Amino acid sequence: MKVLCDVHLPKRLVVFFNQQKIEAIHGSTILDGWHTKDKDFCKYADENDFVVITKDNDFRNTHFLQNTPLKLIKINLGNISNDHLISIFHKHIPAFVEIFKHGSAYVEINKDSISSLIR
């Protein structure tokens, strides 16, 4: 599993994934950085087999309507601390790795649950 974190997520999340031996990059470091259009961000993720991690509903919509990005984790947690966010990912890494082995998939992280849809 490789992850591409949306520009609105903390760079600490990228550091965390890399420490876990999961390749991760932050959206601010690719293409046009903060100015990259969503469609170009998705294309980059799909071409390079990244799971996109975001809080942005636009990515959820394009995943289901246009099948891009192919692999998506949508965070629905509001404003939480970086430590809390990282602890959630730490807890669920094995499940995420298993889910995204199958190709196109959608994972949603909510306050009390994590749900997935393998497509």
PDB file of N, CA and C in Angstrom:
ATOM      1  N   MET A   1       0.856  -1.180   0.000  1.00  0.00           N
ATOM      2  CA  MET A   1       0.000   0.000   0.000  1.00  0.00           C
ATOM      3  C   MET A   1       0.896   1.236   0.000  1.00  0.00           C
ATOM      4  N   LYS A   2       0.546   2.194  -0.840  1.00  0.00           N
ATOM      5  CA  LYS A   2       1.207   3.491  -0.884  1.00  0.00           C
ATOM      6  C   LYS A   2       0.120   4.544  -0.684  1.00  0.00           C
ATOM      7  N   VAL A   3       0.445   5.621   0.044  1.00  0.00           N
ATOM      8  CA  VAL A   3      -0.573   6.629   0.301  1.00  0.00           C
ATOM      9  C   VAL A   3      -0.137   8.005  -0.174  1.00  0.00           C
ATOM     10  N   LEU A   4      -1.126   8.744  -0.639  1.00  0.00           N
ATOM     11  CA  LEU A   4      -0.971  10.130  -1.065  1.00  0.00           C
ATOM     12  C   LEU A   4      -1.929  10.952  -0.224  1.00  0.00           C
ATOM     13  N   CYS A   5      -1.381  11.765   0.674  1.00  0.00           N
ATOM     14  CA  CYS A   5      -2.204  12.567   1.576  1.00  0.00           C
ATOM     15  C   CYS A   5      -2.577  13.886   0.920  1.00  0.00           C
ATOM     16  N   ASP A   6      -3.843  14.213   0.983  1.00  0.00           N
ATOM     17  CA  ASP A   6      -4.348  15.479   0.470  1.00  0.00           C
ATOM     18  C   ASP A   6      -3.605  16.633   1.157  1.00  0.00           C
ATOM     19  N   VAL A   7      -3.520  17.762   0.468  1.00  0.00           N
ATOM     20  CA  VAL A   7      -2.775  18.916   0.992  1.00  0.00           C
ATOM     21  C   VAL A   7      -3.348  19.442   2.295  1.00  0.00           C
ATOM     22  N   HIS A   8      -4.591  19.145   2.613  1.00  0.00           N
ATOM     23  CA  HIS A   8      -5.222  19.645   3.831  1.00  0.00           C
ATOM     24  C   HIS A   8      -4.969  18.762   5.053  1.00  0.00           C
ATOM     25  N   LEU A   9      -4.218  17.703   4.860  1.00  0.00           N
ATOM     26  CA  LEU A   9      -3.865  16.823   5.975  1.00  0.00           C
ATOM     27  C   LEU A   9      -2.457  17.148   6.458  1.00  0.00           C
ATOM     28  N   PRO A  10      -2.176  16.846   7.723  1.00  0.00           N
ATOM     29  CA  PRO A  10      -0.862  17.198   8.279  1.00  0.00           C
ATOM     30  C   PRO A  10       0.268  16.371   7.662  1.00  0.00           C
ATOM     31  N   LYS A  11       1.402  17.013   7.467  1.00  0.00           N
ATOM     32  CA  LYS A  11       2.579  16.303   6.961  1.00  0.00           C
ATOM     33  C   LYS A  11       3.054  15.240   7.947  1.00  0.00           C
ATOM     34  N   ARG A  12       2.683  15.403   9.209  1.00  0.00           N
ATOM     35  CA  ARG A  12       3.027  14.384  10.216  1.00  0.00           C
ATOM     36  C   ARG A  12       2.430  13.023   9.870  1.00  0.00           C
ATOM     37  N   LEU A  13       1.299  13.021   9.182  1.00  0.00           N
ATOM     38  CA  LEU A  13       0.689  11.759   8.782  1.00  0.00           C
ATOM     39  C   LEU A  13       1.595  11.031   7.790  1.00  0.00           C
ATOM     40  N   VAL A  14       2.205  11.767   6.883  1.00  0.00           N
ATOM     41  CA  VAL A  14       3.147  11.186   5.926  1.00  0.00           C
ATOM     42  C   VAL A  14       4.349  10.608   6.666  1.00  0.00           C
ATOM     43  N   VAL A  15       4.873  11.359   7.614  1.00  0.00           N
ATOM     44  CA  VAL A  15       6.007  10.883   8.420  1.00  0.00           C
ATOM     45  C   VAL A  15       5.629   9.588   9.136  1.00  0.00           C
ATOM     46  N   PHE A  16       4.446   9.563   9.722  1.00  0.00           N
ATOM     47  CA  PHE A  16       3.968   8.368  10.420  1.00  0.00           C
ATOM     48  C   PHE A  16       3.953   7.157   9.486  1.00  0.00           C
ATOM     49  N   PHE A  17       3.341   7.298   8.301  1.00  0.00           N
ATOM     50  CA  PHE A  17       3.265   6.165   7.374  1.00  0.00           C
ATOM     51  C   PHE A  17       4.658   5.694   6.968  1.00  0.00           C
ATOM     52  N   ASN A  18       5.536   6.627   6.671  1.00  0.00           N
ATOM     53  CA  ASN A  18       6.898   6.242   6.292  1.00  0.00           C
ATOM     54  C   ASN A  18       7.600   5.498   7.426  1.00  0.00           C
ATOM     55  N   GLN A  19       7.350   5.887   8.665  1.00  0.00           N
ATOM     56  CA  GLN A  19       7.924   5.173   9.818  1.00  0.00           C
ATOM     57  C   GLN A  19       7.376   3.748   9.920  1.00  0.00           C
ATOM     58  N   GLN A  20       6.173   3.551   9.396  1.00  0.00           N
ATOM     59  CA  GLN A  20       5.540   2.229   9.417  1.00  0.00           C
ATOM     60  C   GLN A  20       5.919   1.401   8.188  1.00  0.00           C
ATOM     61  N   LYS A  21       6.877   1.905   7.411  1.00  0.00           N
ATOM     62  CA  LYS A  21       7.347   1.236   6.175  1.00  0.00           C
ATOM     63  C   LYS A  21       6.277   1.214   5.089  1.00  0.00           C
ATOM     64  N   ILE A  22       5.420   2.240   5.107  1.00  0.00           N
ATOM     65  CA  ILE A  22       4.418   2.426   4.062  1.00  0.00           C
ATOM     66  C   ILE A  22       4.798   3.690   3.312  1.00  0.00           C
ATOM     67  N   GLU A  23       5.043   3.545   2.014  1.00  0.00           N
ATOM     68  CA  GLU A  23       5.420   4.708   1.215  1.00  0.00           C
ATOM     69  C   GLU A  23       4.304   5.742   1.262  1.00  0.00           C
ATOM     70  N   ALA A  24       4.666   6.973   1.573  1.00  0.00           N
ATOM     71  CA  ALA A  24       3.670   8.040   1.676  1.00  0.00           C
ATOM     72  C   ALA A  24       4.274   9.353   1.193  1.00  0.00           C
ATOM     73  N   ILE A  25       3.439  10.132   0.506  1.00  0.00           N
ATOM     74  CA  ILE A  25       3.841  11.469   0.100  1.00  0.00           C
ATOM     75  C   ILE A  25       2.699  12.437   0.369  1.00  0.00           C
ATOM     76  N   HIS A  26       3.057  13.683   0.521  1.00  0.00           N
ATOM     77  CA  HIS A  26       2.075  14.734   0.780  1.00  0.00           C
ATOM     78  C   HIS A  26       1.763  15.432  -0.540  1.00  0.00           C
ATOM     79  N   GLY A  27       0.499  15.750  -0.735  1.00  0.00           N
ATOM     80  CA  GLY A  27       0.063  16.387  -1.970  1.00  0.00           C
ATOM     81  C   GLY A  27       0.768  17.691  -2.292  1.00  0.00           C
ATOM     82  N   SER A  28       1.286  18.356  -1.295  1.00  0.00           N
ATOM     83  CA  SER A  28       1.975  19.632  -1.537  1.00  0.00           C
ATOM     84  C   SER A  28       3.318  19.445  -2.235  1.00  0.00           C
ATOM     85  N   THR A  29       3.785  18.185  -2.333  1.00  0.00           N
ATOM     86  CA  THR A  29       5.101  17.928  -2.916  1.00  0.00           C
ATOM     87  C   THR A  29       5.037  17.382  -4.335  1.00  0.00           C
ATOM     88  N   ILE A  30       3.837  17.251  -4.904  1.00  0.00           N
ATOM     89  CA  ILE A  30       3.709  16.720  -6.267  1.00  0.00           C
ATOM     90  C   ILE A  30       3.063  17.753  -7.181  1.00  0.00           C
ATOM     91  N   LEU A  31       3.278  17.564  -8.454  1.00  0.00           N
ATOM     92  CA  LEU A  31       2.652  18.382  -9.495  1.00  0.00           C
ATOM     93  C   LEU A  31       2.748  19.864  -9.153  1.00  0.00           C
ATOM     94  N   ASP A  32       1.606  20.548  -9.018  1.00  0.00           N
ATOM     95  CA  ASP A  32       1.604  21.981  -8.700  1.00  0.00           C
ATOM     96  C   ASP A  32       1.358  22.243  -7.218  1.00  0.00           C
ATOM     97  N   GLY A  33       1.653  21.274  -6.383  1.00  0.00           N
ATOM     98  CA  GLY A  33       1.503  21.444  -4.943  1.00  0.00           C
ATOM     99  C   GLY A  33       0.083  21.814  -4.560  1.00  0.00           C
ATOM    100  N   TRP A  34      -0.038  22.873  -3.775  1.00  0.00           N
ATOM    101  CA  TRP A  34      -1.341  23.336  -3.292  1.00  0.00           C
ATOM    102  C   TRP A  34      -2.286  23.728  -4.428  1.00  0.00           C
ATOM    103  N   HIS A  35      -1.744  24.007  -5.592  1.00  0.00           N
ATOM    104  CA  HIS A  35      -2.559  24.480  -6.719  1.00  0.00           C
ATOM    105  C   HIS A  35      -2.966  23.362  -7.681  1.00  0.00           C
ATOM    106  N   THR A  36      -2.612  22.140  -7.354  1.00  0.00           N
ATOM    107  CA  THR A  36      -2.960  21.012  -8.218  1.00  0.00           C
ATOM    108  C   THR A  36      -4.475  20.832  -8.263  1.00  0.00           C
ATOM    109  N   LYS A  37      -4.997  20.686  -9.442  1.00  0.00           N
ATOM    110  CA  LYS A  37      -6.435  20.442  -9.608  1.00  0.00           C
ATOM    111  C   LYS A  37      -6.753  19.006  -9.167  1.00  0.00           C
ATOM    112  N   ASP A  38      -7.952  18.836  -8.625  1.00  0.00           N
ATOM    113  CA  ASP A  38      -8.363  17.517  -8.129  1.00  0.00           C
ATOM    114  C   ASP A  38      -8.213  16.437  -9.198  1.00  0.00           C
ATOM    115  N   LYS A  39      -8.599  16.730 -10.435  1.00  0.00           N
ATOM    116  CA  LYS A  39      -8.535  15.711 -11.493  1.00  0.00           C
ATOM    117  C   LYS A  39      -7.092  15.288 -11.753  1.00  0.00           C
ATOM    118  N   ASP A  40      -6.151  16.229 -11.667  1.00  0.00           N
ATOM    119  CA  ASP A  40      -4.743  15.897 -11.868  1.00  0.00           C
ATOM    120  C   ASP A  40      -4.198  15.117 -10.670  1.00  0.00           C
ATOM    121  N   PHE A  41      -4.665  15.475  -9.480  1.00  0.00           N
ATOM    122  CA  PHE A  41      -4.285  14.772  -8.255  1.00  0.00           C
ATOM    123  C   PHE A  41      -4.734  13.310  -8.346  1.00  0.00           C
ATOM    124  N   CYS A  42      -5.976  13.107  -8.752  1.00  0.00           N
ATOM    125  CA  CYS A  42      -6.528  11.753  -8.889  1.00  0.00           C
ATOM    126  C   CYS A  42      -5.783  10.960  -9.959  1.00  0.00           C
ATOM    127  N   LYS A  43      -5.517  11.591 -11.082  1.00  0.00           N
ATOM    128  CA  LYS A  43      -4.798  10.915 -12.166  1.00  0.00           C
ATOM    129  C   LYS A  43      -3.419  10.468 -11.683  1.00  0.00           C
ATOM    130  N   TYR A  44      -2.721  11.342 -10.980  1.00  0.00           N
ATOM    131  CA  TYR A  44      -1.403  11.002 -10.443  1.00  0.00           C
ATOM    132  C   TYR A  44      -1.514   9.812  -9.491  1.00  0.00           C
ATOM    133  N   ALA A  45      -2.493   9.847  -8.608  1.00  0.00           N
ATOM    134  CA  ALA A  45      -2.682   8.756  -7.648  1.00  0.00           C
ATOM    135  C   ALA A  45      -2.950   7.433  -8.370  1.00  0.00           C
ATOM    136  N   ASP A  46      -3.847   7.466  -9.335  1.00  0.00           N
ATOM    137  CA  ASP A  46      -4.207   6.240 -10.058  1.00  0.00           C
ATOM    138  C   ASP A  46      -3.035   5.696 -10.872  1.00  0.00           C
ATOM    139  N   GLU A  47      -2.314   6.582 -11.543  1.00  0.00           N
ATOM    140  CA  GLU A  47      -1.186   6.145 -12.375  1.00  0.00           C
ATOM    141  C   GLU A  47      -0.038   5.578 -11.549  1.00  0.00           C
ATOM    142  N   ASN A  48       0.056   6.004 -10.301  1.00  0.00           N
ATOM    143  CA  ASN A  48       1.156   5.578  -9.444  1.00  0.00           C
ATOM    144  C   ASN A  48       0.717   4.643  -8.313  1.00  0.00           C
ATOM    145  N   ASP A  49      -0.528   4.158  -8.401  1.00  0.00           N
ATOM    146  CA  ASP A  49      -1.089   3.174  -7.471  1.00  0.00           C
ATOM    147  C   ASP A  49      -1.089   3.643  -6.012  1.00  0.00           C
ATOM    148  N   PHE A  50      -1.470   4.903  -5.796  1.00  0.00           N
ATOM    149  CA  PHE A  50      -1.581   5.448  -4.449  1.00  0.00           C
ATOM    150  C   PHE A  50      -3.015   5.367  -3.941  1.00  0.00           C
ATOM    151  N   VAL A  51      -3.157   5.192  -2.636  1.00  0.00           N
ATOM    152  CA  VAL A  51      -4.424   5.374  -1.941  1.00  0.00           C
ATOM    153  C   VAL A  51      -4.483   6.841  -1.543  1.00  0.00           C
ATOM    154  N   VAL A  52      -5.516   7.539  -1.966  1.00  0.00           N
ATOM    155  CA  VAL A  52      -5.680   8.940  -1.580  1.00  0.00           C
ATOM    156  C   VAL A  52      -6.347   8.986  -0.210  1.00  0.00           C
ATOM    157  N   ILE A  53      -5.794   9.810   0.679  1.00  0.00           N
ATOM    158  CA  ILE A  53      -6.397  10.041   1.989  1.00  0.00           C
ATOM    159  C   ILE A  53      -6.820  11.504   2.036  1.00  0.00           C
ATOM    160  N   THR A  54      -8.077  11.759   2.367  1.00  0.00           N
ATOM    161  CA  THR A  54      -8.604  13.115   2.314  1.00  0.00           C
ATOM    162  C   THR A  54      -9.759  13.314   3.287  1.00  0.00           C
ATOM    163  N   LYS A  55     -10.080  14.583   3.527  1.00  0.00           N
ATOM    164  CA  LYS A  55     -11.301  14.978   4.234  1.00  0.00           C
ATOM    165  C   LYS A  55     -12.299  15.586   3.252  1.00  0.00           C
ATOM    166  N   ASP A  56     -11.900  15.736   2.005  1.00  0.00           N
ATOM    167  CA  ASP A  56     -12.644  16.473   0.988  1.00  0.00           C
ATOM    168  C   ASP A  56     -13.731  15.610   0.335  1.00  0.00           C
ATOM    169  N   ASN A  57     -14.982  16.053   0.426  1.00  0.00           N
ATOM    170  CA  ASN A  57     -16.098  15.320  -0.183  1.00  0.00           C
ATOM    171  C   ASN A  57     -16.005  15.234  -1.694  1.00  0.00           C
ATOM    172  N   ASP A  58     -15.320  16.176  -2.332  1.00  0.00           N
ATOM    173  CA  ASP A  58     -15.200  16.136  -3.788  1.00  0.00           C
ATOM    174  C   ASP A  58     -14.536  14.846  -4.260  1.00  0.00           C
ATOM    175  N   PHE A  59     -13.542  14.374  -3.512  1.00  0.00           N
ATOM    176  CA  PHE A  59     -12.880  13.125  -3.894  1.00  0.00           C
ATOM    177  C   PHE A  59     -13.823  11.932  -3.743  1.00  0.00           C
ATOM    178  N   ARG A  60     -14.670  11.956  -2.734  1.00  0.00           N
ATOM    179  CA  ARG A  60     -15.661  10.891  -2.562  1.00  0.00           C
ATOM    180  C   ARG A  60     -16.596  10.867  -3.766  1.00  0.00           C
ATOM    181  N   ASN A  61     -17.062  12.036  -4.146  1.00  0.00           N
ATOM    182  CA  ASN A  61     -17.980  12.128  -5.275  1.00  0.00           C
ATOM    183  C   ASN A  61     -17.343  11.607  -6.564  1.00  0.00           C
ATOM    184  N   THR A  62     -16.113  12.024  -6.853  1.00  0.00           N
ATOM    185  CA  THR A  62     -15.484  11.569  -8.098  1.00  0.00           C
ATOM    186  C   THR A  62     -15.137  10.078  -8.038  1.00  0.00           C
ATOM    187  N   HIS A  63     -14.868   9.567  -6.851  1.00  0.00           N
ATOM    188  CA  HIS A  63     -14.604   8.128  -6.736  1.00  0.00           C
ATOM    189  C   HIS A  63     -15.828   7.331  -7.199  1.00  0.00           C
ATOM    190  N   PHE A  64     -17.001   7.737  -6.744  1.00  0.00           N
ATOM    191  CA  PHE A  64     -18.213   6.989  -7.084  1.00  0.00           C
ATOM    192  C   PHE A  64     -18.792   7.354  -8.456  1.00  0.00           C
ATOM    193  N   LEU A  65     -18.642   8.587  -8.873  1.00  0.00           N
ATOM    194  CA  LEU A  65     -19.235   9.002 -10.146  1.00  0.00           C
ATOM    195  C   LEU A  65     -18.312   8.798 -11.341  1.00  0.00           C
ATOM    196  N   GLN A  66     -16.997   8.933 -11.114  1.00  0.00           N
ATOM    197  CA  GLN A  66     -16.048   8.853 -12.232  1.00  0.00           C
ATOM    198  C   GLN A  66     -14.991   7.768 -12.034  1.00  0.00           C
ATOM    199  N   ASN A  67     -15.112   7.030 -10.935  1.00  0.00           N
ATOM    200  CA  ASN A  67     -14.190   5.940 -10.613  1.00  0.00           C
ATOM    201  C   ASN A  67     -12.733   6.400 -10.489  1.00  0.00           C
ATOM    202  N   THR A  68     -12.555   7.605  -9.953  1.00  0.00           N
ATOM    203  CA  THR A  68     -11.220   8.129  -9.678  1.00  0.00           C
ATOM    204  C   THR A  68     -11.289   9.056  -8.477  1.00  0.00           C
ATOM    205  N   PRO A  69     -10.399   8.968  -7.551  1.00  0.00           N
ATOM    206  CA  PRO A  69      -9.295   8.025  -7.488  1.00  0.00           C
ATOM    207  C   PRO A  69      -9.813   6.611  -7.240  1.00  0.00           C
ATOM    208  N   LEU A  70      -9.060   5.662  -7.735  1.00  0.00           N
ATOM    209  CA  LEU A  70      -9.470   4.263  -7.602  1.00  0.00           C
ATOM    210  C   LEU A  70      -9.470   3.788  -6.157  1.00  0.00           C
ATOM    211  N   LYS A  71      -8.542   4.318  -5.366  1.00  0.00           N
ATOM    212  CA  LYS A  71      -8.378   3.901  -3.972  1.00  0.00           C
ATOM    213  C   LYS A  71      -8.488   5.143  -3.098  1.00  0.00           C
ATOM    214  N   LEU A  72      -9.427   5.117  -2.154  1.00  0.00           N
ATOM    215  CA  LEU A  72      -9.713   6.331  -1.388  1.00  0.00           C
ATOM    216  C   LEU A  72     -10.042   6.015   0.061  1.00  0.00           C
ATOM    217  N   ILE A  73      -9.437   6.799   0.964  1.00  0.00           N
ATOM    218  CA  ILE A  73      -9.828   6.802   2.373  1.00  0.00           C
ATOM    219  C   ILE A  73     -10.374   8.193   2.659  1.00  0.00           C
ATOM    220  N   LYS A  74     -11.648   8.263   3.039  1.00  0.00           N
ATOM    221  CA  LYS A  74     -12.328   9.529   3.335  1.00  0.00           C
ATOM    222  C   LYS A  74     -12.471   9.653   4.841  1.00  0.00           C
ATOM    223  N   ILE A  75     -11.919  10.730   5.389  1.00  0.00           N
ATOM    224  CA  ILE A  75     -11.953  10.977   6.828  1.00  0.00           C
ATOM    225  C   ILE A  75     -13.123  11.892   7.158  1.00  0.00           C
ATOM    226  N   ASN A  76     -14.007  11.453   8.048  1.00  0.00           N
ATOM    227  CA  ASN A  76     -15.162  12.240   8.496  1.00  0.00           C
ATOM    228  C   ASN A  76     -15.080  12.452  10.001  1.00  0.00           C
ATOM    229  N   LEU A  77     -14.047  13.113  10.461  1.00  0.00           N
ATOM    230  CA  LEU A  77     -13.834  13.239  11.895  1.00  0.00           C
ATOM    231  C   LEU A  77     -13.840  14.682  12.386  1.00  0.00           C
ATOM    232  N   GLY A  78     -14.077  15.625  11.504  1.00  0.00           N
ATOM    233  CA  GLY A  78     -14.029  17.022  11.932  1.00  0.00           C
ATOM    234  C   GLY A  78     -12.622  17.395  12.345  1.00  0.00           C
ATOM    235  N   ASN A  79     -12.515  18.374  13.204  1.00  0.00           N
ATOM    236  CA  ASN A  79     -11.207  18.806  13.675  1.00  0.00           C
ATOM    237  C   ASN A  79     -10.797  17.983  14.884  1.00  0.00           C
ATOM    238  N   ILE A  80      -9.788  17.167  14.684  1.00  0.00           N
ATOM    239  CA  ILE A  80      -9.220  16.381  15.779  1.00  0.00           C
ATOM    240  C   ILE A  80      -7.715  16.647  15.794  1.00  0.00           C
ATOM    241  N   SER A  81      -7.078  16.287  16.868  1.00  0.00           N
ATOM    242  CA  SER A  81      -5.637  16.506  16.961  1.00  0.00           C
ATOM    243  C   SER A  81      -4.906  15.577  15.992  1.00  0.00           C
ATOM    244  N   ASN A  82      -3.715  15.993  15.606  1.00  0.00           N
ATOM    245  CA  ASN A  82      -2.888  15.148  14.745  1.00  0.00           C
ATOM    246  C   ASN A  82      -2.578  13.822  15.429  1.00  0.00           C
ATOM    247  N   ASP A  83      -2.328  13.866  16.729  1.00  0.00           N
ATOM    248  CA  ASP A  83      -2.040  12.634  17.469  1.00  0.00           C
ATOM    249  C   ASP A  83      -3.221  11.670  17.412  1.00  0.00           C
ATOM    250  N   HIS A  84      -4.422  12.192  17.556  1.00  0.00           N
ATOM    251  CA  HIS A  84      -5.618  11.342  17.502  1.00  0.00           C
ATOM    252  C   HIS A  84      -5.777  10.739  16.102  1.00  0.00           C
ATOM    253  N   LEU A  85      -5.579  11.561  15.083  1.00  0.00           N
ATOM    254  CA  LEU A  85      -5.686  11.079  13.700  1.00  0.00           C
ATOM    255  C   LEU A  85      -4.674   9.964  13.450  1.00  0.00           C
ATOM    256  N   ILE A  86      -3.461  10.172  13.858  1.00  0.00           N
ATOM    257  CA  ILE A  86      -2.416   9.168  13.667  1.00  0.00           C
ATOM    258  C   ILE A  86      -2.732   7.891  14.448  1.00  0.00           C
ATOM    259  N   SER A  87      -3.280   8.028  15.641  1.00  0.00           N
ATOM    260  CA  SER A  87      -3.621   6.827  16.422  1.00  0.00           C
ATOM    261  C   SER A  87      -4.705   6.005  15.732  1.00  0.00           C
ATOM    262  N   ILE A  88      -5.638   6.660  15.078  1.00  0.00           N
ATOM    263  CA  ILE A  88      -6.682   5.945  14.337  1.00  0.00           C
ATOM    264  C   ILE A  88      -6.062   5.165  13.182  1.00  0.00           C
ATOM    265  N   PHE A  89      -5.181   5.819  12.432  1.00  0.00           N
ATOM    266  CA  PHE A  89      -4.533   5.110  11.324  1.00  0.00           C
ATOM    267  C   PHE A  89      -3.657   3.971  11.841  1.00  0.00           C
ATOM    268  N   HIS A  90      -2.958   4.193  12.928  1.00  0.00           N
ATOM    269  CA  HIS A  90      -2.104   3.148  13.489  1.00  0.00           C
ATOM    270  C   HIS A  90      -2.923   1.909  13.842  1.00  0.00           C
ATOM    271  N   LYS A  91      -4.058   2.116  14.424  1.00  0.00           N
ATOM    272  CA  LYS A  91      -4.939   1.019  14.837  1.00  0.00           C
ATOM    273  C   LYS A  91      -5.446   0.211  13.645  1.00  0.00           C
ATOM    274  N   HIS A  92      -5.679   0.870  12.511  1.00  0.00           N
ATOM    275  CA  HIS A  92      -6.358   0.218  11.396  1.00  0.00           C
ATOM    276  C   HIS A  92      -5.460  -0.086  10.187  1.00  0.00           C
ATOM    277  N   ILE A  93      -4.159   0.121  10.308  1.00  0.00           N
ATOM    278  CA  ILE A  93      -3.276  -0.148   9.165  1.00  0.00           C
ATOM    279  C   ILE A  93      -3.446  -1.562   8.607  1.00  0.00           C
ATOM    280  N   PRO A  94      -3.454  -2.611   9.431  1.00  0.00           N
ATOM    281  CA  PRO A  94      -3.593  -3.960   8.846  1.00  0.00           C
ATOM    282  C   PRO A  94      -4.871  -4.111   8.005  1.00  0.00           C
ATOM    283  N   ALA A  95      -5.964  -3.543   8.469  1.00  0.00           N
ATOM    284  CA  ALA A  95      -7.221  -3.629   7.705  1.00  0.00           C
ATOM    285  C   ALA A  95      -7.109  -2.859   6.393  1.00  0.00           C
ATOM    286  N   PHE A  96      -6.518  -1.672   6.446  1.00  0.00           N
ATOM    287  CA  PHE A  96      -6.366  -0.872   5.222  1.00  0.00           C
ATOM    288  C   PHE A  96      -5.501  -1.593   4.191  1.00  0.00           C
ATOM    289  N   VAL A  97      -4.407  -2.169   4.648  1.00  0.00           N
ATOM    290  CA  VAL A  97      -3.518  -2.895   3.735  1.00  0.00           C
ATOM    291  C   VAL A  97      -4.276  -4.030   3.066  1.00  0.00           C
ATOM    292  N   GLU A  98      -5.058  -4.764   3.838  1.00  0.00           N
ATOM    293  CA  GLU A  98      -5.835  -5.877   3.281  1.00  0.00           C
ATOM    294  C   GLU A  98      -6.887  -5.389   2.285  1.00  0.00           C
ATOM    295  N   ILE A  99      -7.606  -4.343   2.634  1.00  0.00           N
ATOM    296  CA  ILE A  99      -8.667  -3.815   1.762  1.00  0.00           C
ATOM    297  C   ILE A  99      -8.097  -3.384   0.418  1.00  0.00           C
ATOM    298  N   PHE A 100      -6.979  -2.660   0.433  1.00  0.00           N
ATOM    299  CA  PHE A 100      -6.462  -2.095  -0.808  1.00  0.00           C
ATOM    300  C   PHE A 100      -5.630  -3.070  -1.619  1.00  0.00           C
ATOM    301  N   LYS A 101      -5.432  -4.298  -1.129  1.00  0.00           N
ATOM    302  CA  LYS A 101      -4.803  -5.354  -1.937  1.00  0.00           C
ATOM    303  C   LYS A 101      -5.704  -5.730  -3.109  1.00  0.00           C
ATOM    304  N   HIS A 102      -6.985  -5.520  -2.954  1.00  0.00           N
ATOM    305  CA  HIS A 102      -7.968  -5.975  -3.923  1.00  0.00           C
ATOM    306  C   HIS A 102      -8.188  -4.999  -5.079  1.00  0.00           C
ATOM    307  N   GLY A 103      -7.497  -3.889  -5.088  1.00  0.00           N
ATOM    308  CA  GLY A 103      -7.669  -2.912  -6.166  1.00  0.00           C
ATOM    309  C   GLY A 103      -8.532  -1.759  -5.712  1.00  0.00           C
ATOM    310  N   SER A 104      -9.473  -1.381  -6.540  1.00  0.00           N
ATOM    311  CA  SER A 104     -10.317  -0.229  -6.260  1.00  0.00           C
ATOM    312  C   SER A 104     -11.153  -0.455  -5.008  1.00  0.00           C
ATOM    313  N   ALA A 105     -11.086   0.509  -4.098  1.00  0.00           N
ATOM    314  CA  ALA A 105     -11.834   0.389  -2.854  1.00  0.00           C
ATOM    315  C   ALA A 105     -12.042   1.770  -2.238  1.00  0.00           C
ATOM    316  N   TYR A 106     -13.057   1.838  -1.395  1.00  0.00           N
ATOM    317  CA  TYR A 106     -13.393   3.069  -0.689  1.00  0.00           C
ATOM    318  C   TYR A 106     -13.506   2.740   0.796  1.00  0.00           C
ATOM    319  N   VAL A 107     -12.837   3.543   1.627  1.00  0.00           N
ATOM    320  CA  VAL A 107     -12.919   3.397   3.070  1.00  0.00           C
ATOM    321  C   VAL A 107     -13.357   4.726   3.648  1.00  0.00           C
ATOM    322  N   GLU A 108     -14.269   4.659   4.591  1.00  0.00           N
ATOM    323  CA  GLU A 108     -14.743   5.873   5.259  1.00  0.00           C
ATOM    324  C   GLU A 108     -14.484   5.718   6.755  1.00  0.00           C
ATOM    325  N   ILE A 109     -13.832   6.738   7.315  1.00  0.00           N
ATOM    326  CA  ILE A 109     -13.540   6.741   8.743  1.00  0.00           C
ATOM    327  C   ILE A 109     -14.490   7.726   9.411  1.00  0.00           C
ATOM    328  N   ASN A 110     -15.364   7.201  10.248  1.00  0.00           N
ATOM    329  CA  ASN A 110     -16.305   8.025  11.004  1.00  0.00           C
ATOM    330  C   ASN A 110     -15.939   7.996  12.479  1.00  0.00           C
ATOM    331  N   LYS A 111     -16.641   8.756  13.265  1.00  0.00           N
ATOM    332  CA  LYS A 111     -16.325   8.880  14.694  1.00  0.00           C
ATOM    333  C   LYS A 111     -16.304   7.524  15.392  1.00  0.00           C
ATOM    334  N   ASP A 112     -17.285   6.686  15.117  1.00  0.00           N
ATOM    335  CA  ASP A 112     -17.414   5.418  15.840  1.00  0.00           C
ATOM    336  C   ASP A 112     -17.203   4.184  14.985  1.00  0.00           C
ATOM    337  N   SER A 113     -16.845   4.370  13.711  1.00  0.00           N
ATOM    338  CA  SER A 113     -16.730   3.189  12.850  1.00  0.00           C
ATOM    339  C   SER A 113     -15.848   3.466  11.633  1.00  0.00           C
ATOM    340  N   ILE A 114     -15.461   2.362  11.035  1.00  0.00           N
ATOM    341  CA  ILE A 114     -14.756   2.402   9.763  1.00  0.00           C
ATOM    342  C   ILE A 114     -15.503   1.455   8.850  1.00  0.00           C
ATOM    343  N   SER A 115     -15.859   1.942   7.677  1.00  0.00           N
ATOM    344  CA  SER A 115     -16.566   1.082   6.733  1.00  0.00           C
ATOM    345  C   SER A 115     -15.801   1.065   5.413  1.00  0.00           C
ATOM    346  N   SER A 116     -15.995  -0.009   4.662  1.00  0.00           N
ATOM    347  CA  SER A 116     -15.293  -0.121   3.378  1.00  0.00           C
ATOM    348  C   SER A 116     -16.197  -0.698   2.321  1.00  0.00           C
ATOM    349  N   LEU A 117     -15.849  -0.363   1.096  1.00  0.00           N
ATOM    350  CA  LEU A 117     -16.532  -0.894  -0.079  1.00  0.00           C
ATOM    351  C   LEU A 117     -15.467  -1.246  -1.084  1.00  0.00           C
ATOM    352  N   ILE A 118     -15.319  -2.526  -1.352  1.00  0.00           N
ATOM    353  CA  ILE A 118     -14.355  -2.975  -2.351  1.00  0.00           C
ATOM    354  C   ILE A 118     -15.109  -3.081  -3.655  1.00  0.00           C
ATOM    355  N   ARG A 119     -14.576  -2.406  -4.673  1.00  0.00           N
ATOM    356  CA  ARG A 119     -15.285  -2.337  -5.962  1.00  0.00           C
ATOM    357  C   ARG A 119     -14.694  -3.276  -6.979  1.00  0.00           C
TER     358      ARG A 119
END
